[in-house]
Amino acid sequence: MKLMVLAGIALIVLGVVGLAVDNISFTEQRTVIDAGPLKVTASEQKNIPIPTIAGVVSVVVGLGLCFLGARKSA
């Protein structure tokens, strides 16, 4: 049952990180024009929002897994 506890701890950590970070942003490079030796690229900033409910659910499920894993091993 040690695996359940470790999975619960991982979910708790991911949930706390999800609550602390509002969104994940990254820059995507894409080719606009590709005509022989001429290549024009554009950079586009993208954001992926992390819903607050996802962090809360992750923490709650992680706590449940830790509780059940500790209870079954005892």
PDB file of N, CA and C in Angstrom:
ATOM      1  N   MET A   1       0.817  -1.200   0.000  1.00  0.00           N
ATOM      2  CA  MET A   1       0.000   0.000   0.000  1.00  0.00           C
ATOM      3  C   MET A   1       0.861   1.264   0.000  1.00  0.00           C
ATOM      4  N   LYS A   2       2.154   1.078   0.004  1.00  0.00           N
ATOM      5  CA  LYS A   2       3.051   2.223  -0.040  1.00  0.00           C
ATOM      6  C   LYS A   2       2.858   3.020  -1.336  1.00  0.00           C
ATOM      7  N   LEU A   3       2.491   2.320  -2.419  1.00  0.00           N
ATOM      8  CA  LEU A   3       2.273   2.981  -3.702  1.00  0.00           C
ATOM      9  C   LEU A   3       1.099   3.960  -3.623  1.00  0.00           C
ATOM     10  N   MET A   4       0.065   3.601  -2.879  1.00  0.00           N
ATOM     11  CA  MET A   4      -1.083   4.498  -2.715  1.00  0.00           C
ATOM     12  C   MET A   4      -0.686   5.781  -1.999  1.00  0.00           C
ATOM     13  N   VAL A   5       0.142   5.653  -0.994  1.00  0.00           N
ATOM     14  CA  VAL A   5       0.581   6.827  -0.238  1.00  0.00           C
ATOM     15  C   VAL A   5       1.449   7.724  -1.122  1.00  0.00           C
ATOM     16  N   LEU A   6       2.343   7.115  -1.894  1.00  0.00           N
ATOM     17  CA  LEU A   6       3.195   7.908  -2.780  1.00  0.00           C
ATOM     18  C   LEU A   6       2.372   8.613  -3.865  1.00  0.00           C
ATOM     19  N   ALA A   7       1.379   7.934  -4.414  1.00  0.00           N
ATOM     20  CA  ALA A   7       0.504   8.556  -5.402  1.00  0.00           C
ATOM     21  C   ALA A   7      -0.282   9.706  -4.769  1.00  0.00           C
ATOM     22  N   GLY A   8      -0.718   9.522  -3.534  1.00  0.00           N
ATOM     23  CA  GLY A   8      -1.436  10.580  -2.822  1.00  0.00           C
ATOM     24  C   GLY A   8      -0.567  11.797  -2.585  1.00  0.00           C
ATOM     25  N   ILE A   9       0.685  11.564  -2.205  1.00  0.00           N
ATOM     26  CA  ILE A   9       1.612  12.680  -1.979  1.00  0.00           C
ATOM     27  C   ILE A   9       1.876  13.412  -3.287  1.00  0.00           C
ATOM     28  N   ALA A  10       2.027  12.665  -4.383  1.00  0.00           N
ATOM     29  CA  ALA A  10       2.248  13.297  -5.689  1.00  0.00           C
ATOM     30  C   ALA A  10       1.052  14.151  -6.092  1.00  0.00           C
ATOM     31  N   LEU A  11      -0.166  13.659  -5.844  1.00  0.00           N
ATOM     32  CA  LEU A  11      -1.365  14.438  -6.166  1.00  0.00           C
ATOM     33  C   LEU A  11      -1.475  15.687  -5.304  1.00  0.00           C
ATOM     34  N   ILE A  12      -1.100  15.578  -4.043  1.00  0.00           N
ATOM     35  CA  ILE A  12      -1.146  16.747  -3.161  1.00  0.00           C
ATOM     36  C   ILE A  12      -0.167  17.810  -3.656  1.00  0.00           C
ATOM     37  N   VAL A  13       1.046  17.389  -4.013  1.00  0.00           N
ATOM     38  CA  VAL A  13       2.052  18.348  -4.498  1.00  0.00           C
ATOM     39  C   VAL A  13       1.586  19.000  -5.800  1.00  0.00           C
ATOM     40  N   LEU A  14       1.063  18.189  -6.731  1.00  0.00           N
ATOM     41  CA  LEU A  14       0.564  18.756  -7.986  1.00  0.00           C
ATOM     42  C   LEU A  14      -0.621  19.698  -7.755  1.00  0.00           C
ATOM     43  N   GLY A  15      -1.476  19.372  -6.811  1.00  0.00           N
ATOM     44  CA  GLY A  15      -2.605  20.236  -6.497  1.00  0.00           C
ATOM     45  C   GLY A  15      -2.173  21.567  -5.917  1.00  0.00           C
ATOM     46  N   VAL A  16      -1.182  21.535  -5.033  1.00  0.00           N
ATOM     47  CA  VAL A  16      -0.685  22.786  -4.447  1.00  0.00           C
ATOM     48  C   VAL A  16      -0.006  23.638  -5.511  1.00  0.00           C
ATOM     49  N   VAL A  17       0.760  22.997  -6.394  1.00  0.00           N
ATOM     50  CA  VAL A  17       1.393  23.740  -7.489  1.00  0.00           C
ATOM     51  C   VAL A  17       0.319  24.323  -8.409  1.00  0.00           C
ATOM     52  N   GLY A  18      -0.727  23.552  -8.689  1.00  0.00           N
ATOM     53  CA  GLY A  18      -1.820  24.041  -9.515  1.00  0.00           C
ATOM     54  C   GLY A  18      -2.555  25.211  -8.890  1.00  0.00           C
ATOM     55  N   LEU A  19      -2.644  25.226  -7.574  1.00  0.00           N
ATOM     56  CA  LEU A  19      -3.283  26.357  -6.893  1.00  0.00           C
ATOM     57  C   LEU A  19      -2.375  27.584  -6.871  1.00  0.00           C
ATOM     58  N   ALA A  20      -1.066  27.363  -6.822  1.00  0.00           N
ATOM     59  CA  ALA A  20      -0.129  28.483  -6.758  1.00  0.00           C
ATOM     60  C   ALA A  20       0.091  29.133  -8.120  1.00  0.00           C
ATOM     61  N   VAL A  21      -0.008  28.358  -9.200  1.00  0.00           N
ATOM     62  CA  VAL A  21       0.251  28.864 -10.548  1.00  0.00           C
ATOM     63  C   VAL A  21      -1.086  29.080 -11.246  1.00  0.00           C
ATOM     64  N   ASP A  22      -1.283  30.279 -11.790  1.00  0.00           N
ATOM     65  CA  ASP A  22      -2.550  30.577 -12.463  1.00  0.00           C
ATOM     66  C   ASP A  22      -2.643  29.935 -13.837  1.00  0.00           C
ATOM     67  N   ASN A  23      -1.562  30.042 -14.611  1.00  0.00           N
ATOM     68  CA  ASN A  23      -1.578  29.458 -15.949  1.00  0.00           C
ATOM     69  C   ASN A  23      -0.159  29.109 -16.375  1.00  0.00           C
ATOM     70  N   ILE A  24      -0.090  28.276 -17.390  1.00  0.00           N
ATOM     71  CA  ILE A  24       1.188  27.892 -17.976  1.00  0.00           C
ATOM     72  C   ILE A  24       1.290  28.618 -19.300  1.00  0.00           C
ATOM     73  N   SER A  25       2.383  29.345 -19.501  1.00  0.00           N
ATOM     74  CA  SER A  25       2.541  30.074 -20.752  1.00  0.00           C
ATOM     75  C   SER A  25       3.783  29.576 -21.483  1.00  0.00           C
ATOM     76  N   PHE A  26       3.686  29.570 -22.797  1.00  0.00           N
ATOM     77  CA  PHE A  26       4.810  29.169 -23.635  1.00  0.00           C
ATOM     78  C   PHE A  26       4.722  29.911 -24.962  1.00  0.00           C
ATOM     79  N   THR A  27       5.852  29.969 -25.668  1.00  0.00           N
ATOM     80  CA  THR A  27       5.923  30.639 -26.950  1.00  0.00           C
ATOM     81  C   THR A  27       6.032  29.588 -28.052  1.00  0.00           C
ATOM     82  N   GLU A  28       5.189  29.723 -29.050  1.00  0.00           N
ATOM     83  CA  GLU A  28       5.178  28.789 -30.170  1.00  0.00           C
ATOM     84  C   GLU A  28       5.675  29.513 -31.415  1.00  0.00           C
ATOM     85  N   GLN A  29       6.654  28.925 -32.090  1.00  0.00           N
ATOM     86  CA  GLN A  29       7.168  29.470 -33.343  1.00  0.00           C
ATOM     87  C   GLN A  29       6.483  28.742 -34.489  1.00  0.00           C
ATOM     88  N   ARG A  30       5.918  29.489 -35.424  1.00  0.00           N
ATOM     89  CA  ARG A  30       5.309  28.854 -36.582  1.00  0.00           C
ATOM     90  C   ARG A  30       5.738  29.570 -37.851  1.00  0.00           C
ATOM     91  N   THR A  31       5.817  28.812 -38.915  1.00  0.00           N
ATOM     92  CA  THR A  31       6.243  29.364 -40.198  1.00  0.00           C
ATOM     93  C   THR A  31       5.032  29.972 -40.898  1.00  0.00           C
ATOM     94  N   VAL A  32       5.155  31.263 -41.263  1.00  0.00           N
ATOM     95  CA  VAL A  32       4.074  31.962 -41.952  1.00  0.00           C
ATOM     96  C   VAL A  32       4.251  31.812 -43.460  1.00  0.00           C
ATOM     97  N   ILE A  33       5.476  32.079 -43.946  1.00  0.00           N
ATOM     98  CA  ILE A  33       5.772  31.971 -45.375  1.00  0.00           C
ATOM     99  C   ILE A  33       7.013  31.109 -45.535  1.00  0.00           C
ATOM    100  N   ASP A  34       6.926  30.126 -46.426  1.00  0.00           N
ATOM    101  CA  ASP A  34       8.075  29.271 -46.726  1.00  0.00           C
ATOM    102  C   ASP A  34       8.174  29.162 -48.238  1.00  0.00           C
ATOM    103  N   ALA A  35       8.874  30.112 -48.852  1.00  0.00           N
ATOM    104  CA  ALA A  35       9.002  30.157 -50.311  1.00  0.00           C
ATOM    105  C   ALA A  35      10.479  30.044 -50.678  1.00  0.00           C
ATOM    106  N   GLY A  36      10.934  28.833 -50.894  1.00  0.00           N
ATOM    107  CA  GLY A  36      12.337  28.616 -51.267  1.00  0.00           C
ATOM    108  C   GLY A  36      13.267  29.047 -50.147  1.00  0.00           C
ATOM    109  N   PRO A  37      14.214  29.945 -50.469  1.00  0.00           N
ATOM    110  CA  PRO A  37      15.165  30.388 -49.436  1.00  0.00           C
ATOM    111  C   PRO A  37      14.555  31.389 -48.456  1.00  0.00           C
ATOM    112  N   LEU A  38      13.372  31.895 -48.762  1.00  0.00           N
ATOM    113  CA  LEU A  38      12.719  32.882 -47.896  1.00  0.00           C
ATOM    114  C   LEU A  38      11.822  32.157 -46.900  1.00  0.00           C
ATOM    115  N   LYS A  39      12.077  32.379 -45.634  1.00  0.00           N
ATOM    116  CA  LYS A  39      11.277  31.741 -44.587  1.00  0.00           C
ATOM    117  C   LYS A  39      10.929  32.806 -43.553  1.00  0.00           C
ATOM    118  N   VAL A  40       9.650  33.011 -43.331  1.00  0.00           N
ATOM    119  CA  VAL A  40       9.180  33.993 -42.358  1.00  0.00           C
ATOM    120  C   VAL A  40       8.489  33.234 -41.238  1.00  0.00           C
ATOM    121  N   THR A  41       8.936  33.482 -40.009  1.00  0.00           N
ATOM    122  CA  THR A  41       8.331  32.827 -38.850  1.00  0.00           C
ATOM    123  C   THR A  41       7.696  33.871 -37.947  1.00  0.00           C
ATOM    124  N   ALA A  42       6.731  33.424 -37.191  1.00  0.00           N
ATOM    125  CA  ALA A  42       6.054  34.296 -36.231  1.00  0.00           C
ATOM    126  C   ALA A  42       6.037  33.601 -34.874  1.00  0.00           C
ATOM    127  N   SER A  43       6.263  34.372 -33.841  1.00  0.00           N
ATOM    128  CA  SER A  43       6.193  33.863 -32.470  1.00  0.00           C
ATOM    129  C   SER A  43       4.837  34.209 -31.895  1.00  0.00           C
ATOM    130  N   GLU A  44       4.213  33.216 -31.278  1.00  0.00           N
ATOM    131  CA  GLU A  44       2.902  33.432 -30.684  1.00  0.00           C
ATOM    132  C   GLU A  44       2.916  32.957 -29.238  1.00  0.00           C
ATOM    133  N   GLN A  45       2.536  33.832 -28.327  1.00  0.00           N
ATOM    134  CA  GLN A  45       2.472  33.512 -26.902  1.00  0.00           C
ATOM    135  C   GLN A  45       1.158  32.803 -26.616  1.00  0.00           C
ATOM    136  N   LYS A  46       1.232  31.624 -26.007  1.00  0.00           N
ATOM    137  CA  LYS A  46       0.025  30.867 -25.670  1.00  0.00           C
ATOM    138  C   LYS A  46      -0.043  30.667 -24.164  1.00  0.00           C
ATOM    139  N   ASN A  47      -1.243  30.695 -23.626  1.00  0.00           N
ATOM    140  CA  ASN A  47      -1.488  30.474 -22.204  1.00  0.00           C
ATOM    141  C   ASN A  47      -2.472  29.334 -22.034  1.00  0.00           C
ATOM    142  N   ILE A  48      -2.157  28.444 -21.092  1.00  0.00           N
ATOM    143  CA  ILE A  48      -3.070  27.370 -20.737  1.00  0.00           C
ATOM    144  C   ILE A  48      -3.512  27.621 -19.291  1.00  0.00           C
ATOM    145  N   PRO A  49      -4.773  27.994 -19.084  1.00  0.00           N
ATOM    146  CA  PRO A  49      -5.227  28.265 -17.715  1.00  0.00           C
ATOM    147  C   PRO A  49      -5.393  26.970 -16.909  1.00  0.00           C
ATOM    148  N   ILE A  50      -5.072  27.052 -15.630  1.00  0.00           N
ATOM    149  CA  ILE A  50      -5.269  25.917 -14.722  1.00  0.00           C
ATOM    150  C   ILE A  50      -6.444  26.267 -13.809  1.00  0.00           C
ATOM    151  N   PRO A  51      -7.551  25.543 -13.926  1.00  0.00           N
ATOM    152  CA  PRO A  51      -8.703  25.861 -13.087  1.00  0.00           C
ATOM    153  C   PRO A  51      -8.418  25.601 -11.604  1.00  0.00           C
ATOM    154  N   THR A  52      -8.941  26.438 -10.760  1.00  0.00           N
ATOM    155  CA  THR A  52      -8.751  26.297  -9.323  1.00  0.00           C
ATOM    156  C   THR A  52      -9.364  24.993  -8.816  1.00  0.00           C
ATOM    157  N   ILE A  53     -10.491  24.613  -9.385  1.00  0.00           N
ATOM    158  CA  ILE A  53     -11.161  23.395  -8.924  1.00  0.00           C
ATOM    159  C   ILE A  53     -10.285  22.167  -9.166  1.00  0.00           C
ATOM    160  N   ALA A  54      -9.468  22.185 -10.216  1.00  0.00           N
ATOM    161  CA  ALA A  54      -8.577  21.049 -10.487  1.00  0.00           C
ATOM    162  C   ALA A  54      -7.549  20.894  -9.368  1.00  0.00           C
ATOM    163  N   GLY A  55      -7.010  22.006  -8.876  1.00  0.00           N
ATOM    164  CA  GLY A  55      -6.061  21.944  -7.765  1.00  0.00           C
ATOM    165  C   GLY A  55      -6.716  21.455  -6.485  1.00  0.00           C
ATOM    166  N   VAL A  56      -7.926  21.932  -6.214  1.00  0.00           N
ATOM    167  CA  VAL A  56      -8.634  21.528  -5.001  1.00  0.00           C
ATOM    168  C   VAL A  56      -8.978  20.039  -5.045  1.00  0.00           C
ATOM    169  N   VAL A  57      -9.479  19.577  -6.191  1.00  0.00           N
ATOM    170  CA  VAL A  57      -9.826  18.160  -6.328  1.00  0.00           C
ATOM    171  C   VAL A  57      -8.578  17.290  -6.192  1.00  0.00           C
ATOM    172  N   SER A  58      -7.471  17.730  -6.769  1.00  0.00           N
ATOM    173  CA  SER A  58      -6.225  16.970  -6.676  1.00  0.00           C
ATOM    174  C   SER A  58      -5.753  16.833  -5.235  1.00  0.00           C
ATOM    175  N   VAL A  59      -5.843  17.907  -4.473  1.00  0.00           N
ATOM    176  CA  VAL A  59      -5.432  17.856  -3.059  1.00  0.00           C
ATOM    177  C   VAL A  59      -6.363  16.940  -2.265  1.00  0.00           C
ATOM    178  N   VAL A  60      -7.655  17.029  -2.491  1.00  0.00           N
ATOM    179  CA  VAL A  60      -8.617  16.205  -1.750  1.00  0.00           C
ATOM    180  C   VAL A  60      -8.432  14.722  -2.079  1.00  0.00           C
ATOM    181  N   VAL A  61      -8.276  14.403  -3.363  1.00  0.00           N
ATOM    182  CA  VAL A  61      -8.069  13.002  -3.752  1.00  0.00           C
ATOM    183  C   VAL A  61      -6.735  12.491  -3.202  1.00  0.00           C
ATOM    184  N   GLY A  62      -5.703  13.341  -3.221  1.00  0.00           N
ATOM    185  CA  GLY A  62      -4.412  12.950  -2.671  1.00  0.00           C
ATOM    186  C   GLY A  62      -4.485  12.663  -1.183  1.00  0.00           C
ATOM    187  N   LEU A  63      -5.213  13.493  -0.452  1.00  0.00           N
ATOM    188  CA  LEU A  63      -5.386  13.245   0.983  1.00  0.00           C
ATOM    189  C   LEU A  63      -6.151  11.947   1.225  1.00  0.00           C
ATOM    190  N   GLY A  64      -7.144  11.689   0.382  1.00  0.00           N
ATOM    191  CA  GLY A  64      -7.888  10.442   0.513  1.00  0.00           C
ATOM    192  C   GLY A  64      -7.026   9.230   0.250  1.00  0.00           C
ATOM    193  N   LEU A  65      -6.188   9.292  -0.772  1.00  0.00           N
ATOM    194  CA  LEU A  65      -5.285   8.177  -1.060  1.00  0.00           C
ATOM    195  C   LEU A  65      -4.279   7.960   0.072  1.00  0.00           C
ATOM    196  N   CYS A  66      -3.754   9.043   0.614  1.00  0.00           N
ATOM    197  CA  CYS A  66      -2.813   8.907   1.738  1.00  0.00           C
ATOM    198  C   CYS A  66      -3.497   8.276   2.943  1.00  0.00           C
ATOM    199  N   PHE A  67      -4.709   8.705   3.225  1.00  0.00           N
ATOM    200  CA  PHE A  67      -5.443   8.164   4.354  1.00  0.00           C
ATOM    201  C   PHE A  67      -5.737   6.675   4.160  1.00  0.00           C
ATOM    202  N   LEU A  68      -6.229   6.317   2.980  1.00  0.00           N
ATOM    203  CA  LEU A  68      -6.559   4.915   2.721  1.00  0.00           C
ATOM    204  C   LEU A  68      -5.319   4.043   2.656  1.00  0.00           C
ATOM    205  N   GLY A  69      -4.236   4.548   2.098  1.00  0.00           N
ATOM    206  CA  GLY A  69      -2.996   3.773   2.032  1.00  0.00           C
ATOM    207  C   GLY A  69      -2.390   3.539   3.394  1.00  0.00           C
ATOM    208  N   ALA A  70      -2.439   4.542   4.267  1.00  0.00           N
ATOM    209  CA  ALA A  70      -1.904   4.398   5.610  1.00  0.00           C
ATOM    210  C   ALA A  70      -2.792   3.469   6.448  1.00  0.00           C
ATOM    211  N   ARG A  71      -4.095   3.533   6.207  1.00  0.00           N
ATOM    212  CA  ARG A  71      -5.044   2.709   6.967  1.00  0.00           C
ATOM    213  C   ARG A  71      -4.918   1.227   6.596  1.00  0.00           C
ATOM    214  N   LYS A  72      -4.701   0.930   5.324  1.00  0.00           N
ATOM    215  CA  LYS A  72      -4.599  -0.462   4.876  1.00  0.00           C
ATOM    216  C   LYS A  72      -3.276  -1.085   5.292  1.00  0.00           C
ATOM    217  N   SER A  73      -2.204  -0.291   5.388  1.00  0.00           N
ATOM    218  CA  SER A  73      -0.900  -0.848   5.755  1.00  0.00           C
ATOM    219  C   SER A  73      -0.800  -1.089   7.250  1.00  0.00           C
ATOM    220  N   ALA A  74      -1.634  -0.434   8.036  1.00  0.00           N
ATOM    221  CA  ALA A  74      -1.553  -0.608   9.490  1.00  0.00           C
ATOM    222  C   ALA A  74      -2.332  -1.813   9.966  1.00  0.00           C
TER     223      ALA A  74
END
